[in-house]
Amino acid sequence: MTTEAIFQTQLIQKAWEDPSFKAKLVRDPKSAIQEVLGVRIPDHIEVRTLEEQPNELYLV
């Protein structure tokens, strides 16, 4: 498993367990990532969050 996949899994797990964190992750993903993982994402990198609905599937 890559480091990116591990980080993503940790973020998703935290979002499932903590509704307030999930809201922050959707609203301000860079700040939420820094809070949980201690990783600061540079300003020139854009981070987007999407929440799948039961009738949707996102492939990236």
N, C-alpha and C. Protein backbone atom coordinates (compact mmCIF):
# COMPACT_ATOMS: atom_id res chain seq x y z
N MET A 1 0.85 -1.17 0.00
CA MET A 1 0.00 0.00 0.00
C MET A 1 0.90 1.24 0.00
N THR A 2 0.57 2.20 -0.85
CA THR A 2 1.37 3.42 -0.94
C THR A 2 1.10 4.34 0.24
N THR A 3 2.01 5.26 0.46
CA THR A 3 1.83 6.24 1.52
C THR A 3 0.56 7.05 1.28
N GLU A 4 0.31 7.41 0.03
CA GLU A 4 -0.91 8.16 -0.31
C GLU A 4 -2.16 7.36 0.06
N ALA A 5 -2.18 6.09 -0.24
CA ALA A 5 -3.33 5.24 0.07
C ALA A 5 -3.52 5.12 1.58
N ILE A 6 -2.43 5.03 2.32
CA ILE A 6 -2.51 4.95 3.78
C ILE A 6 -3.10 6.23 4.34
N PHE A 7 -2.62 7.39 3.86
CA PHE A 7 -3.14 8.67 4.32
C PHE A 7 -4.63 8.79 3.99
N GLN A 8 -4.99 8.39 2.79
CA GLN A 8 -6.40 8.48 2.37
C GLN A 8 -7.28 7.60 3.26
N THR A 9 -6.82 6.41 3.56
CA THR A 9 -7.56 5.50 4.43
C THR A 9 -7.73 6.09 5.82
N GLN A 10 -6.68 6.71 6.34
CA GLN A 10 -6.75 7.34 7.66
C GLN A 10 -7.77 8.48 7.67
N LEU A 11 -7.77 9.29 6.62
CA LEU A 11 -8.71 10.41 6.55
C LEU A 11 -10.14 9.92 6.47
N ILE A 12 -10.39 8.91 5.65
CA ILE A 12 -11.73 8.37 5.51
C ILE A 12 -12.21 7.77 6.82
N GLN A 13 -11.36 7.03 7.48
CA GLN A 13 -11.71 6.42 8.77
C GLN A 13 -12.09 7.50 9.78
N LYS A 14 -11.28 8.54 9.86
CA LYS A 14 -11.55 9.65 10.80
C LYS A 14 -12.88 10.33 10.44
N ALA A 15 -13.15 10.51 9.15
CA ALA A 15 -14.41 11.15 8.72
C ALA A 15 -15.61 10.29 9.08
N TRP A 16 -15.49 8.98 8.98
CA TRP A 16 -16.59 8.09 9.37
C TRP A 16 -16.87 8.17 10.86
N GLU A 17 -15.81 8.31 11.64
CA GLU A 17 -15.94 8.29 13.10
C GLU A 17 -16.32 9.64 13.70
N ASP A 18 -16.01 10.72 13.01
CA ASP A 18 -16.15 12.06 13.58
C ASP A 18 -16.87 13.00 12.60
N PRO A 19 -18.18 13.21 12.79
CA PRO A 19 -18.95 14.06 11.87
C PRO A 19 -18.42 15.49 11.76
N SER A 20 -17.89 16.02 12.84
CA SER A 20 -17.36 17.40 12.77
C SER A 20 -16.09 17.44 11.93
N PHE A 21 -15.28 16.39 12.02
CA PHE A 21 -14.09 16.33 11.16
C PHE A 21 -14.50 16.17 9.71
N LYS A 22 -15.50 15.34 9.45
CA LYS A 22 -15.99 15.14 8.09
C LYS A 22 -16.43 16.47 7.48
N ALA A 23 -17.17 17.25 8.25
CA ALA A 23 -17.63 18.56 7.77
C ALA A 23 -16.43 19.46 7.44
N LYS A 24 -15.42 19.43 8.29
CA LYS A 24 -14.22 20.24 8.06
C LYS A 24 -13.46 19.74 6.83
N LEU A 25 -13.39 18.44 6.66
CA LEU A 25 -12.70 17.86 5.51
C LEU A 25 -13.36 18.29 4.20
N VAL A 26 -14.68 18.34 4.19
CA VAL A 26 -15.40 18.77 2.99
C VAL A 26 -15.23 20.28 2.79
N ARG A 27 -15.29 21.04 3.86
CA ARG A 27 -15.24 22.51 3.79
C ARG A 27 -13.82 23.04 3.55
N ASP A 28 -12.82 22.46 4.24
CA ASP A 28 -11.45 22.97 4.19
C ASP A 28 -10.48 21.79 4.26
N PRO A 29 -10.35 21.05 3.15
CA PRO A 29 -9.58 19.81 3.19
C PRO A 29 -8.11 19.98 3.58
N LYS A 30 -7.47 21.05 3.16
CA LYS A 30 -6.05 21.23 3.51
C LYS A 30 -5.86 21.36 5.01
N SER A 31 -6.70 22.14 5.64
CA SER A 31 -6.62 22.32 7.09
C SER A 31 -6.91 21.01 7.82
N ALA A 32 -7.92 20.28 7.35
CA ALA A 32 -8.27 19.00 7.98
C ALA A 32 -7.14 17.99 7.84
N ILE A 33 -6.51 17.96 6.68
CA ILE A 33 -5.39 17.03 6.45
C ILE A 33 -4.23 17.37 7.37
N GLN A 34 -3.94 18.66 7.49
CA GLN A 34 -2.85 19.06 8.38
C GLN A 34 -3.16 18.69 9.83
N GLU A 35 -4.41 18.86 10.23
CA GLU A 35 -4.84 18.56 11.59
C GLU A 35 -4.64 17.07 11.93
N VAL A 36 -5.02 16.19 11.02
CA VAL A 36 -4.98 14.75 11.31
C VAL A 36 -3.63 14.12 11.01
N LEU A 37 -3.03 14.50 9.89
CA LEU A 37 -1.81 13.85 9.45
C LEU A 37 -0.55 14.66 9.72
N GLY A 38 -0.72 15.93 10.05
CA GLY A 38 0.44 16.79 10.26
C GLY A 38 1.16 17.14 8.97
N VAL A 39 0.46 17.01 7.85
CA VAL A 39 1.03 17.27 6.54
C VAL A 39 0.48 18.59 6.02
N ARG A 40 1.38 19.52 5.70
CA ARG A 40 0.95 20.80 5.12
C ARG A 40 1.05 20.69 3.61
N ILE A 41 -0.06 20.94 2.94
CA ILE A 41 -0.11 20.87 1.48
C ILE A 41 0.16 22.27 0.94
N PRO A 42 1.12 22.40 0.04
CA PRO A 42 1.48 23.73 -0.50
C PRO A 42 0.29 24.43 -1.15
N ASP A 43 0.35 25.76 -1.14
CA ASP A 43 -0.73 26.58 -1.68
C ASP A 43 -1.00 26.33 -3.15
N HIS A 44 0.02 25.95 -3.91
CA HIS A 44 -0.18 25.76 -5.36
C HIS A 44 -0.88 24.44 -5.70
N ILE A 45 -1.13 23.60 -4.71
CA ILE A 45 -1.83 22.34 -4.93
C ILE A 45 -3.27 22.48 -4.46
N GLU A 46 -4.19 22.14 -5.35
CA GLU A 46 -5.62 22.21 -5.02
C GLU A 46 -6.10 20.84 -4.54
N VAL A 47 -6.86 20.84 -3.46
CA VAL A 47 -7.42 19.61 -2.92
C VAL A 47 -8.94 19.74 -2.97
N ARG A 48 -9.59 18.75 -3.55
CA ARG A 48 -11.05 18.74 -3.63
C ARG A 48 -11.58 17.50 -2.92
N THR A 49 -12.69 17.68 -2.24
CA THR A 49 -13.35 16.53 -1.62
C THR A 49 -14.74 16.38 -2.23
N LEU A 50 -15.13 15.15 -2.43
CA LEU A 50 -16.44 14.81 -2.94
C LEU A 50 -17.02 13.71 -2.06
N GLU A 51 -18.28 13.80 -1.79
CA GLU A 51 -18.94 12.75 -1.02
C GLU A 51 -19.86 11.99 -1.95
N GLU A 52 -19.58 10.70 -2.12
CA GLU A 52 -20.44 9.86 -2.96
C GLU A 52 -21.79 9.67 -2.30
N GLN A 53 -22.80 9.68 -3.13
CA GLN A 53 -24.15 9.36 -2.70
C GLN A 53 -24.41 7.89 -3.05
N PRO A 54 -25.41 7.27 -2.47
CA PRO A 54 -25.66 5.85 -2.74
C PRO A 54 -25.80 5.50 -4.23
N ASN A 55 -26.24 6.45 -5.02
CA ASN A 55 -26.45 6.17 -6.45
C ASN A 55 -25.32 6.72 -7.32
N GLU A 56 -24.15 6.97 -6.74
CA GLU A 56 -23.01 7.51 -7.47
C GLU A 56 -21.77 6.66 -7.24
N LEU A 57 -20.86 6.75 -8.20
CA LEU A 57 -19.56 6.10 -8.09
C LEU A 57 -18.54 6.99 -8.76
N TYR A 58 -17.50 7.36 -8.04
CA TYR A 58 -16.45 8.19 -8.59
C TYR A 58 -15.20 7.34 -8.81
N LEU A 59 -14.62 7.45 -9.97
CA LEU A 59 -13.36 6.78 -10.29
C LEU A 59 -12.33 7.87 -10.57
N VAL A 60 -11.21 7.78 -9.89
CA VAL A 60 -10.16 8.79 -10.08
C VAL A 60 -8.89 8.08 -10.48
